[in-house]
Amino acid sequence: MENENIIAIQQFCIHYNIPISFINSLNEFELVEVITIQKNQYIHTRQIKDIEKLIRLHYELDINMEGLDVVYNLLKQVEFLQDEIMTLDNRLKFYEGE
């Protein structure tokens, strides 16, 4: 794993003005993956977009961790289904000759 693709949790939390315990809770609910290197904790940069969504849901809409777990998994399922619809739509257009 390349170090330029990870960010320290402490730095991330300072930037977003959130407690480190929030990221630890997300990790406990398996909503984010925390990487530990030499006793320092990091998150992968590809997770930032999802973590930003979770921050907004938790702090702006006051959704608890259990609710975040449900909402996050439903959003992932919707994204998967949208991708599947697009794939099937493209396949249908191919066979219809468009």
PDB file of N, CA and C in Angstrom:
ATOM      1  N   MET A   1       0.856  -1.174   0.000  1.00  0.00           N
ATOM      2  CA  MET A   1       0.000   0.000   0.000  1.00  0.00           C
ATOM      3  C   MET A   1       0.899   1.233   0.000  1.00  0.00           C
ATOM      4  N   GLU A   2       0.602   2.168  -0.847  1.00  0.00           N
ATOM      5  CA  GLU A   2       1.412   3.364  -0.962  1.00  0.00           C
ATOM      6  C   GLU A   2       0.975   4.386   0.093  1.00  0.00           C
ATOM      7  N   ASN A   3       1.957   5.003   0.731  1.00  0.00           N
ATOM      8  CA  ASN A   3       1.664   5.935   1.820  1.00  0.00           C
ATOM      9  C   ASN A   3       1.004   7.222   1.355  1.00  0.00           C
ATOM     10  N   GLU A   4       1.127   7.583   0.077  1.00  0.00           N
ATOM     11  CA  GLU A   4       0.482   8.813  -0.368  1.00  0.00           C
ATOM     12  C   GLU A   4      -1.030   8.650  -0.523  1.00  0.00           C
ATOM     13  N   ASN A   5      -1.536   7.448  -0.430  1.00  0.00           N
ATOM     14  CA  ASN A   5      -2.970   7.211  -0.554  1.00  0.00           C
ATOM     15  C   ASN A   5      -3.668   7.062   0.784  1.00  0.00           C
ATOM     16  N   ILE A   6      -2.963   7.395   1.857  1.00  0.00           N
ATOM     17  CA  ILE A   6      -3.562   7.318   3.183  1.00  0.00           C
ATOM     18  C   ILE A   6      -3.392   8.664   3.878  1.00  0.00           C
ATOM     19  N   ILE A   7      -4.262   8.906   4.855  1.00  0.00           N
ATOM     20  CA  ILE A   7      -4.203  10.143   5.629  1.00  0.00           C
ATOM     21  C   ILE A   7      -4.356   9.783   7.107  1.00  0.00           C
ATOM     22  N   ALA A   8      -3.600  10.446   7.932  1.00  0.00           N
ATOM     23  CA  ALA A   8      -3.659  10.187   9.371  1.00  0.00           C
ATOM     24  C   ALA A   8      -5.027  10.589   9.910  1.00  0.00           C
ATOM     25  N   ILE A   9      -5.574   9.744  10.752  1.00  0.00           N
ATOM     26  CA  ILE A   9      -6.889  10.020  11.326  1.00  0.00           C
ATOM     27  C   ILE A   9      -6.861  11.325  12.125  1.00  0.00           C
ATOM     28  N   GLN A  10      -5.790  11.545  12.869  1.00  0.00           N
ATOM     29  CA  GLN A  10      -5.697  12.757  13.676  1.00  0.00           C
ATOM     30  C   GLN A  10      -5.750  14.000  12.786  1.00  0.00           C
ATOM     31  N   GLN A  11      -5.026  13.981  11.678  1.00  0.00           N
ATOM     32  CA  GLN A  11      -5.024  15.110  10.741  1.00  0.00           C
ATOM     33  C   GLN A  11      -6.405  15.292  10.113  1.00  0.00           C
ATOM     34  N   PHE A  12      -7.036  14.186   9.738  1.00  0.00           N
ATOM     35  CA  PHE A  12      -8.366  14.229   9.143  1.00  0.00           C
ATOM     36  C   PHE A  12      -9.375  14.835  10.114  1.00  0.00           C
ATOM     37  N   CYS A  13      -9.332  14.387  11.354  1.00  0.00           N
ATOM     38  CA  CYS A  13     -10.283  14.859  12.365  1.00  0.00           C
ATOM     39  C   CYS A  13     -10.086  16.339  12.691  1.00  0.00           C
ATOM     40  N   ILE A  14      -8.847  16.790  12.700  1.00  0.00           N
ATOM     41  CA  ILE A  14      -8.586  18.213  12.927  1.00  0.00           C
ATOM     42  C   ILE A  14      -9.168  19.031  11.773  1.00  0.00           C
ATOM     43  N   HIS A  15      -8.944  18.565  10.549  1.00  0.00           N
ATOM     44  CA  HIS A  15      -9.438  19.285   9.369  1.00  0.00           C
ATOM     45  C   HIS A  15     -10.969  19.390   9.372  1.00  0.00           C
ATOM     46  N   TYR A  16     -11.652  18.301   9.729  1.00  0.00           N
ATOM     47  CA  TYR A  16     -13.114  18.271   9.708  1.00  0.00           C
ATOM     48  C   TYR A  16     -13.740  18.644  11.059  1.00  0.00           C
ATOM     49  N   ASN A  17     -12.894  18.927  12.040  1.00  0.00           N
ATOM     50  CA  ASN A  17     -13.354  19.345  13.368  1.00  0.00           C
ATOM     51  C   ASN A  17     -14.309  18.308  13.988  1.00  0.00           C
ATOM     52  N   ILE A  18     -13.862  17.061  13.969  1.00  0.00           N
ATOM     53  CA  ILE A  18     -14.633  15.960  14.561  1.00  0.00           C
ATOM     54  C   ILE A  18     -13.719  15.208  15.527  1.00  0.00           C
ATOM     55  N   PRO A  19     -14.293  14.524  16.507  1.00  0.00           N
ATOM     56  CA  PRO A  19     -13.456  13.748  17.431  1.00  0.00           C
ATOM     57  C   PRO A  19     -12.957  12.453  16.776  1.00  0.00           C
ATOM     58  N   ILE A  20     -11.794  12.010  17.191  1.00  0.00           N
ATOM     59  CA  ILE A  20     -11.229  10.754  16.683  1.00  0.00           C
ATOM     60  C   ILE A  20     -12.151   9.590  17.027  1.00  0.00           C
ATOM     61  N   SER A  21     -12.873   9.714  18.125  1.00  0.00           N
ATOM     62  CA  SER A  21     -13.787   8.641  18.536  1.00  0.00           C
ATOM     63  C   SER A  21     -14.872   8.395  17.479  1.00  0.00           C
ATOM     64  N   PHE A  22     -15.221   9.426  16.698  1.00  0.00           N
ATOM     65  CA  PHE A  22     -16.216   9.245  15.635  1.00  0.00           C
ATOM     66  C   PHE A  22     -15.687   8.274  14.584  1.00  0.00           C
ATOM     67  N   ILE A  23     -14.444   8.453  14.158  1.00  0.00           N
ATOM     68  CA  ILE A  23     -13.839   7.553  13.175  1.00  0.00           C
ATOM     69  C   ILE A  23     -13.694   6.157  13.768  1.00  0.00           C
ATOM     70  N   ASN A  24     -13.318   6.070  15.035  1.00  0.00           N
ATOM     71  CA  ASN A  24     -13.211   4.768  15.692  1.00  0.00           C
ATOM     72  C   ASN A  24     -14.569   4.064  15.744  1.00  0.00           C
ATOM     73  N   SER A  25     -15.632   4.821  15.986  1.00  0.00           N
ATOM     74  CA  SER A  25     -16.975   4.237  15.996  1.00  0.00           C
ATOM     75  C   SER A  25     -17.359   3.747  14.602  1.00  0.00           C
ATOM     76  N   LEU A  26     -17.038   4.540  13.582  1.00  0.00           N
ATOM     77  CA  LEU A  26     -17.306   4.102  12.201  1.00  0.00           C
ATOM     78  C   LEU A  26     -16.554   2.816  11.899  1.00  0.00           C
ATOM     79  N   ASN A  27     -15.338   2.713  12.409  1.00  0.00           N
ATOM     80  CA  ASN A  27     -14.549   1.493  12.212  1.00  0.00           C
ATOM     81  C   ASN A  27     -15.186   0.307  12.935  1.00  0.00           C
ATOM     82  N   GLU A  28     -15.682   0.528  14.142  1.00  0.00           N
ATOM     83  CA  GLU A  28     -16.337  -0.551  14.892  1.00  0.00           C
ATOM     84  C   GLU A  28     -17.570  -1.072  14.164  1.00  0.00           C
ATOM     85  N   PHE A  29     -18.290  -0.183  13.478  1.00  0.00           N
ATOM     86  CA  PHE A  29     -19.472  -0.579  12.715  1.00  0.00           C
ATOM     87  C   PHE A  29     -19.107  -1.025  11.300  1.00  0.00           C
ATOM     88  N   GLU A  30     -17.799  -1.103  11.023  1.00  0.00           N
ATOM     89  CA  GLU A  30     -17.265  -1.529   9.732  1.00  0.00           C
ATOM     90  C   GLU A  30     -17.748  -0.644   8.579  1.00  0.00           C
ATOM     91  N   LEU A  31     -17.908   0.647   8.868  1.00  0.00           N
ATOM     92  CA  LEU A  31     -18.287   1.599   7.835  1.00  0.00           C
ATOM     93  C   LEU A  31     -17.058   2.208   7.167  1.00  0.00           C
ATOM     94  N   VAL A  32     -15.927   2.182   7.855  1.00  0.00           N
ATOM     95  CA  VAL A  32     -14.648   2.605   7.286  1.00  0.00           C
ATOM     96  C   VAL A  32     -13.586   1.603   7.731  1.00  0.00           C
ATOM     97  N   GLU A  33     -12.510   1.573   6.970  1.00  0.00           N
ATOM     98  CA  GLU A  33     -11.390   0.710   7.321  1.00  0.00           C
ATOM     99  C   GLU A  33     -10.264   1.581   7.857  1.00  0.00           C
ATOM    100  N   VAL A  34      -9.817   1.286   9.053  1.00  0.00           N
ATOM    101  CA  VAL A  34      -8.706   2.002   9.669  1.00  0.00           C
ATOM    102  C   VAL A  34      -7.454   1.151   9.516  1.00  0.00           C
ATOM    103  N   ILE A  35      -6.404   1.785   9.029  1.00  0.00           N
ATOM    104  CA  ILE A  35      -5.127   1.109   8.810  1.00  0.00           C
ATOM    105  C   ILE A  35      -4.185   1.551   9.920  1.00  0.00           C
ATOM    106  N   THR A  36      -3.529   0.605  10.574  1.00  0.00           N
ATOM    107  CA  THR A  36      -2.584   0.929  11.630  1.00  0.00           C
ATOM    108  C   THR A  36      -1.170   0.622  11.143  1.00  0.00           C
ATOM    109  N   ILE A  37      -0.327   1.650  11.168  1.00  0.00           N
ATOM    110  CA  ILE A  37       1.070   1.504  10.784  1.00  0.00           C
ATOM    111  C   ILE A  37       1.915   2.114  11.905  1.00  0.00           C
ATOM    112  N   GLN A  38       2.697   1.280  12.547  1.00  0.00           N
ATOM    113  CA  GLN A  38       3.569   1.711  13.638  1.00  0.00           C
ATOM    114  C   GLN A  38       2.811   2.532  14.687  1.00  0.00           C
ATOM    115  N   LYS A  39       1.725   2.001  15.159  1.00  0.00           N
ATOM    116  CA  LYS A  39       0.880   2.593  16.214  1.00  0.00           C
ATOM    117  C   LYS A  39       0.153   3.873  15.794  1.00  0.00           C
ATOM    118  N   ASN A  40       0.244   4.257  14.542  1.00  0.00           N
ATOM    119  CA  ASN A  40      -0.506   5.401  14.031  1.00  0.00           C
ATOM    120  C   ASN A  40      -1.651   4.886  13.174  1.00  0.00           C
ATOM    121  N   GLN A  41      -2.802   5.543  13.259  1.00  0.00           N
ATOM    122  CA  GLN A  41      -3.977   5.104  12.519  1.00  0.00           C
ATOM    123  C   GLN A  41      -4.214   6.000  11.313  1.00  0.00           C
ATOM    124  N   TYR A  42      -4.578   5.355  10.205  1.00  0.00           N
ATOM    125  CA  TYR A  42      -4.791   6.053   8.947  1.00  0.00           C
ATOM    126  C   TYR A  42      -6.078   5.556   8.304  1.00  0.00           C
ATOM    127  N   ILE A  43      -6.598   6.374   7.394  1.00  0.00           N
ATOM    128  CA  ILE A  43      -7.696   5.945   6.531  1.00  0.00           C
ATOM    129  C   ILE A  43      -7.231   6.116   5.090  1.00  0.00           C
ATOM    130  N   HIS A  44      -7.798   5.334   4.222  1.00  0.00           N
ATOM    131  CA  HIS A  44      -7.452   5.438   2.811  1.00  0.00           C
ATOM    132  C   HIS A  44      -8.182   6.644   2.216  1.00  0.00           C
ATOM    133  N   THR A  45      -7.525   7.352   1.318  1.00  0.00           N
ATOM    134  CA  THR A  45      -8.114   8.563   0.747  1.00  0.00           C
ATOM    135  C   THR A  45      -9.378   8.277  -0.054  1.00  0.00           C
ATOM    136  N   ARG A  46      -9.531   7.062  -0.564  1.00  0.00           N
ATOM    137  CA  ARG A  46     -10.744   6.743  -1.334  1.00  0.00           C
ATOM    138  C   ARG A  46     -11.997   6.700  -0.446  1.00  0.00           C
ATOM    139  N   GLN A  47     -11.802   6.658   0.870  1.00  0.00           N
ATOM    140  CA  GLN A  47     -12.926   6.620   1.812  1.00  0.00           C
ATOM    141  C   GLN A  47     -13.420   8.008   2.203  1.00  0.00           C
ATOM    142  N   ILE A  48     -12.688   9.043   1.837  1.00  0.00           N
ATOM    143  CA  ILE A  48     -13.008  10.394   2.311  1.00  0.00           C
ATOM    144  C   ILE A  48     -14.409  10.815   1.904  1.00  0.00           C
ATOM    145  N   LYS A  49     -14.795  10.555   0.677  1.00  0.00           N
ATOM    146  CA  LYS A  49     -16.131  10.944   0.197  1.00  0.00           C
ATOM    147  C   LYS A  49     -17.225  10.299   1.063  1.00  0.00           C
ATOM    148  N   ASP A  50     -17.077   9.017   1.350  1.00  0.00           N
ATOM    149  CA  ASP A  50     -18.070   8.318   2.174  1.00  0.00           C
ATOM    150  C   ASP A  50     -18.059   8.839   3.609  1.00  0.00           C
ATOM    151  N   ILE A  51     -16.879   9.110   4.142  1.00  0.00           N
ATOM    152  CA  ILE A  51     -16.799   9.617   5.511  1.00  0.00           C
ATOM    153  C   ILE A  51     -17.436  10.996   5.592  1.00  0.00           C
ATOM    154  N   GLU A  52     -17.255  11.822   4.572  1.00  0.00           N
ATOM    155  CA  GLU A  52     -17.895  13.143   4.561  1.00  0.00           C
ATOM    156  C   GLU A  52     -19.417  13.005   4.607  1.00  0.00           C
ATOM    157  N   LYS A  53     -19.966  12.042   3.859  1.00  0.00           N
ATOM    158  CA  LYS A  53     -21.411  11.792   3.904  1.00  0.00           C
ATOM    159  C   LYS A  53     -21.847  11.400   5.311  1.00  0.00           C
ATOM    160  N   LEU A  54     -21.066  10.507   5.923  1.00  0.00           N
ATOM    161  CA  LEU A  54     -21.403  10.036   7.267  1.00  0.00           C
ATOM    162  C   LEU A  54     -21.300  11.160   8.291  1.00  0.00           C
ATOM    163  N   ILE A  55     -20.341  12.047   8.123  1.00  0.00           N
ATOM    164  CA  ILE A  55     -20.211  13.200   9.029  1.00  0.00           C
ATOM    165  C   ILE A  55     -21.455  14.070   8.934  1.00  0.00           C
ATOM    166  N   ARG A  56     -21.888  14.360   7.702  1.00  0.00           N
ATOM    167  CA  ARG A  56     -23.077  15.198   7.525  1.00  0.00           C
ATOM    168  C   ARG A  56     -24.320  14.524   8.102  1.00  0.00           C
ATOM    169  N   LEU A  57     -24.472  13.245   7.841  1.00  0.00           N
ATOM    170  CA  LEU A  57     -25.645  12.533   8.362  1.00  0.00           C
ATOM    171  C   LEU A  57     -25.657  12.547   9.889  1.00  0.00           C
ATOM    172  N   HIS A  58     -24.501  12.340  10.489  1.00  0.00           N
ATOM    173  CA  HIS A  58     -24.429  12.255  11.946  1.00  0.00           C
ATOM    174  C   HIS A  58     -24.574  13.624  12.618  1.00  0.00           C
ATOM    175  N   TYR A  59     -23.828  14.599  12.141  1.00  0.00           N
ATOM    176  CA  TYR A  59     -23.790  15.882  12.835  1.00  0.00           C
ATOM    177  C   TYR A  59     -24.872  16.854  12.395  1.00  0.00           C
ATOM    178  N   GLU A  60     -25.286  16.798  11.144  1.00  0.00           N
ATOM    179  CA  GLU A  60     -26.318  17.729  10.686  1.00  0.00           C
ATOM    180  C   GLU A  60     -27.728  17.168  10.856  1.00  0.00           C
ATOM    181  N   LEU A  61     -27.886  15.857  10.676  1.00  0.00           N
ATOM    182  CA  LEU A  61     -29.208  15.250  10.807  1.00  0.00           C
ATOM    183  C   LEU A  61     -29.375  14.487  12.115  1.00  0.00           C
ATOM    184  N   ASP A  62     -28.303  14.449  12.922  1.00  0.00           N
ATOM    185  CA  ASP A  62     -28.335  13.819  14.244  1.00  0.00           C
ATOM    186  C   ASP A  62     -28.736  12.340  14.172  1.00  0.00           C
ATOM    187  N   ILE A  63     -28.163  11.636  13.208  1.00  0.00           N
ATOM    188  CA  ILE A  63     -28.416  10.198  13.069  1.00  0.00           C
ATOM    189  C   ILE A  63     -27.356   9.455  13.871  1.00  0.00           C
ATOM    190  N   ASN A  64     -27.802   8.518  14.714  1.00  0.00           N
ATOM    191  CA  ASN A  64     -26.866   7.778  15.560  1.00  0.00           C
ATOM    192  C   ASN A  64     -26.111   6.720  14.739  1.00  0.00           C
ATOM    193  N   MET A  65     -25.160   6.056  15.382  1.00  0.00           N
ATOM    194  CA  MET A  65     -24.305   5.093  14.678  1.00  0.00           C
ATOM    195  C   MET A  65     -25.093   3.942  14.061  1.00  0.00           C
ATOM    196  N   GLU A  66     -26.087   3.448  14.775  1.00  0.00           N
ATOM    197  CA  GLU A  66     -26.899   2.358  14.223  1.00  0.00           C
ATOM    198  C   GLU A  66     -27.637   2.828  12.974  1.00  0.00           C
ATOM    199  N   GLY A  67     -28.152   4.051  13.038  1.00  0.00           N
ATOM    200  CA  GLY A  67     -28.831   4.624  11.884  1.00  0.00           C
ATOM    201  C   GLY A  67     -27.876   4.848  10.725  1.00  0.00           C
ATOM    202  N   LEU A  68     -26.657   5.307  11.034  1.00  0.00           N
ATOM    203  CA  LEU A  68     -25.652   5.490   9.986  1.00  0.00           C
ATOM    204  C   LEU A  68     -25.346   4.176   9.288  1.00  0.00           C
ATOM    205  N   ASP A  69     -25.278   3.110  10.069  1.00  0.00           N
ATOM    206  CA  ASP A  69     -25.014   1.786   9.505  1.00  0.00           C
ATOM    207  C   ASP A  69     -26.101   1.414   8.500  1.00  0.00           C
ATOM    208  N   VAL A  70     -27.347   1.614   8.871  1.00  0.00           N
ATOM    209  CA  VAL A  70     -28.475   1.287   7.993  1.00  0.00           C
ATOM    210  C   VAL A  70     -28.476   2.176   6.749  1.00  0.00           C
ATOM    211  N   VAL A  71     -28.348   3.484   6.958  1.00  0.00           N
ATOM    212  CA  VAL A  71     -28.390   4.433   5.839  1.00  0.00           C
ATOM    213  C   VAL A  71     -27.233   4.179   4.880  1.00  0.00           C
ATOM    214  N   TYR A  72     -26.043   3.973   5.413  1.00  0.00           N
ATOM    215  CA  TYR A  72     -24.856   3.748   4.573  1.00  0.00           C
ATOM    216  C   TYR A  72     -25.028   2.493   3.713  1.00  0.00           C
ATOM    217  N   ASN A  73     -25.498   1.418   4.345  1.00  0.00           N
ATOM    218  CA  ASN A  73     -25.684   0.179   3.584  1.00  0.00           C
ATOM    219  C   ASN A  73     -26.785   0.319   2.530  1.00  0.00           C
ATOM    220  N   LEU A  74     -27.843   1.054   2.839  1.00  0.00           N
ATOM    221  CA  LEU A  74     -28.889   1.295   1.843  1.00  0.00           C
ATOM    222  C   LEU A  74     -28.367   2.156   0.688  1.00  0.00           C
ATOM    223  N   LEU A  75     -27.567   3.168   0.993  1.00  0.00           N
ATOM    224  CA  LEU A  75     -26.985   4.000  -0.062  1.00  0.00           C
ATOM    225  C   LEU A  75     -26.061   3.186  -0.963  1.00  0.00           C
ATOM    226  N   LYS A  76     -25.278   2.301  -0.379  1.00  0.00           N
ATOM    227  CA  LYS A  76     -24.402   1.430  -1.177  1.00  0.00           C
ATOM    228  C   LYS A  76     -25.223   0.501  -2.062  1.00  0.00           C
ATOM    229  N   GLN A  77     -26.327  -0.014  -1.535  1.00  0.00           N
ATOM    230  CA  GLN A  77     -27.196  -0.890  -2.316  1.00  0.00           C
ATOM    231  C   GLN A  77     -27.832  -0.121  -3.474  1.00  0.00           C
ATOM    232  N   VAL A  78     -28.253   1.114  -3.240  1.00  0.00           N
ATOM    233  CA  VAL A  78     -28.832   1.950  -4.292  1.00  0.00           C
ATOM    234  C   VAL A  78     -27.798   2.206  -5.382  1.00  0.00           C
ATOM    235  N   GLU A  79     -26.554   2.537  -4.984  1.00  0.00           N
ATOM    236  CA  GLU A  79     -25.485   2.764  -5.964  1.00  0.00           C
ATOM    237  C   GLU A  79     -25.245   1.514  -6.807  1.00  0.00           C
ATOM    238  N   PHE A  80     -25.222   0.349  -6.162  1.00  0.00           N
ATOM    239  CA  PHE A  80     -25.025  -0.907  -6.878  1.00  0.00           C
ATOM    240  C   PHE A  80     -26.156  -1.135  -7.879  1.00  0.00           C
ATOM    241  N   LEU A  81     -27.393  -0.919  -7.445  1.00  0.00           N
ATOM    242  CA  LEU A  81     -28.534  -1.133  -8.324  1.00  0.00           C
ATOM    243  C   LEU A  81     -28.551  -0.138  -9.483  1.00  0.00           C
ATOM    244  N   GLN A  82     -28.130   1.105  -9.226  1.00  0.00           N
ATOM    245  CA  GLN A  82     -28.052   2.089 -10.306  1.00  0.00           C
ATOM    246  C   GLN A  82     -27.004   1.677 -11.339  1.00  0.00           C
ATOM    247  N   ASP A  83     -25.874   1.171 -10.870  1.00  0.00           N
ATOM    248  CA  ASP A  83     -24.842   0.679 -11.789  1.00  0.00           C
ATOM    249  C   ASP A  83     -25.351  -0.503 -12.604  1.00  0.00           C
ATOM    250  N   GLU A  84     -26.077  -1.390 -11.944  1.00  0.00           N
ATOM    251  CA  GLU A  84     -26.623  -2.558 -12.635  1.00  0.00           C
ATOM    252  C   GLU A  84     -27.651  -2.142 -13.690  1.00  0.00           C
ATOM    253  N   ILE A  85     -28.490  -1.167 -13.365  1.00  0.00           N
ATOM    254  CA  ILE A  85     -29.478  -0.668 -14.323  1.00  0.00           C
ATOM    255  C   ILE A  85     -28.770  -0.063 -15.531  1.00  0.00           C
ATOM    256  N   MET A  86     -27.718   0.709 -15.293  1.00  0.00           N
ATOM    257  CA  MET A  86     -26.971   1.323 -16.391  1.00  0.00           C
ATOM    258  C   MET A  86     -26.347   0.250 -17.282  1.00  0.00           C
ATOM    259  N   THR A  87     -25.776  -0.775 -16.669  1.00  0.00           N
ATOM    260  CA  THR A  87     -25.173  -1.865 -17.432  1.00  0.00           C
ATOM    261  C   THR A  87     -26.225  -2.578 -18.277  1.00  0.00           C
ATOM    262  N   LEU A  88     -27.357  -2.881 -17.681  1.00  0.00           N
ATOM    263  CA  LEU A  88     -28.419  -3.565 -18.417  1.00  0.00           C
ATOM    264  C   LEU A  88     -28.999  -2.679 -19.515  1.00  0.00           C
ATOM    265  N   ASP A  89     -29.114  -1.395 -19.244  1.00  0.00           N
ATOM    266  CA  ASP A  89     -29.612  -0.454 -20.243  1.00  0.00           C
ATOM    267  C   ASP A  89     -28.655  -0.384 -21.431  1.00  0.00           C
ATOM    268  N   ASN A  90     -27.365  -0.339 -21.156  1.00  0.00           N
ATOM    269  CA  ASN A  90     -26.369  -0.322 -22.236  1.00  0.00           C
ATOM    270  C   ASN A  90     -26.401  -1.612 -23.039  1.00  0.00           C
ATOM    271  N   ARG A  91     -26.569  -2.723 -22.363  1.00  0.00           N
ATOM    272  CA  ARG A  91     -26.639  -4.018 -23.054  1.00  0.00           C
ATOM    273  C   ARG A  91     -27.885  -4.070 -23.938  1.00  0.00           C
ATOM    274  N   LEU A  92     -28.997  -3.570 -23.426  1.00  0.00           N
ATOM    275  CA  LEU A  92     -30.236  -3.561 -24.193  1.00  0.00           C
ATOM    276  C   LEU A  92     -30.085  -2.682 -25.442  1.00  0.00           C
ATOM    277  N   LYS A  93     -29.475  -1.513 -25.297  1.00  0.00           N
ATOM    278  CA  LYS A  93     -29.254  -0.634 -26.435  1.00  0.00           C
ATOM    279  C   LYS A  93     -28.351  -1.299 -27.474  1.00  0.00           C
ATOM    280  N   PHE A  94     -27.363  -2.054 -27.011  1.00  0.00           N
ATOM    281  CA  PHE A  94     -26.476  -2.755 -27.932  1.00  0.00           C
ATOM    282  C   PHE A  94     -27.240  -3.772 -28.759  1.00  0.00           C
ATOM    283  N   TYR A  95     -28.112  -4.555 -28.107  1.00  0.00           N
ATOM    284  CA  TYR A  95     -28.843  -5.592 -28.813  1.00  0.00           C
ATOM    285  C   TYR A  95     -29.978  -5.030 -29.660  1.00  0.00           C
ATOM    286  N   GLU A  96     -30.438  -3.842 -29.327  1.00  0.00           N
ATOM    287  CA  GLU A  96     -31.479  -3.204 -30.151  1.00  0.00           C
ATOM    288  C   GLU A  96     -30.857  -2.471 -31.334  1.00  0.00           C
ATOM    289  N   GLY A  97     -29.540  -2.339 -31.344  1.00  0.00           N
ATOM    290  CA  GLY A  97     -28.865  -1.745 -32.477  1.00  0.00           C
ATOM    291  C   GLY A  97     -28.813  -0.248 -32.471  1.00  0.00           C
ATOM    292  N   GLU A  98     -28.942   0.375 -31.313  1.00  0.00           N
ATOM    293  CA  GLU A  98     -28.890   1.851 -31.255  1.00  0.00           C
ATOM    294  C   GLU A  98     -27.477   2.321 -31.253  1.00  0.00           C
TER     295      GLU A  98
END
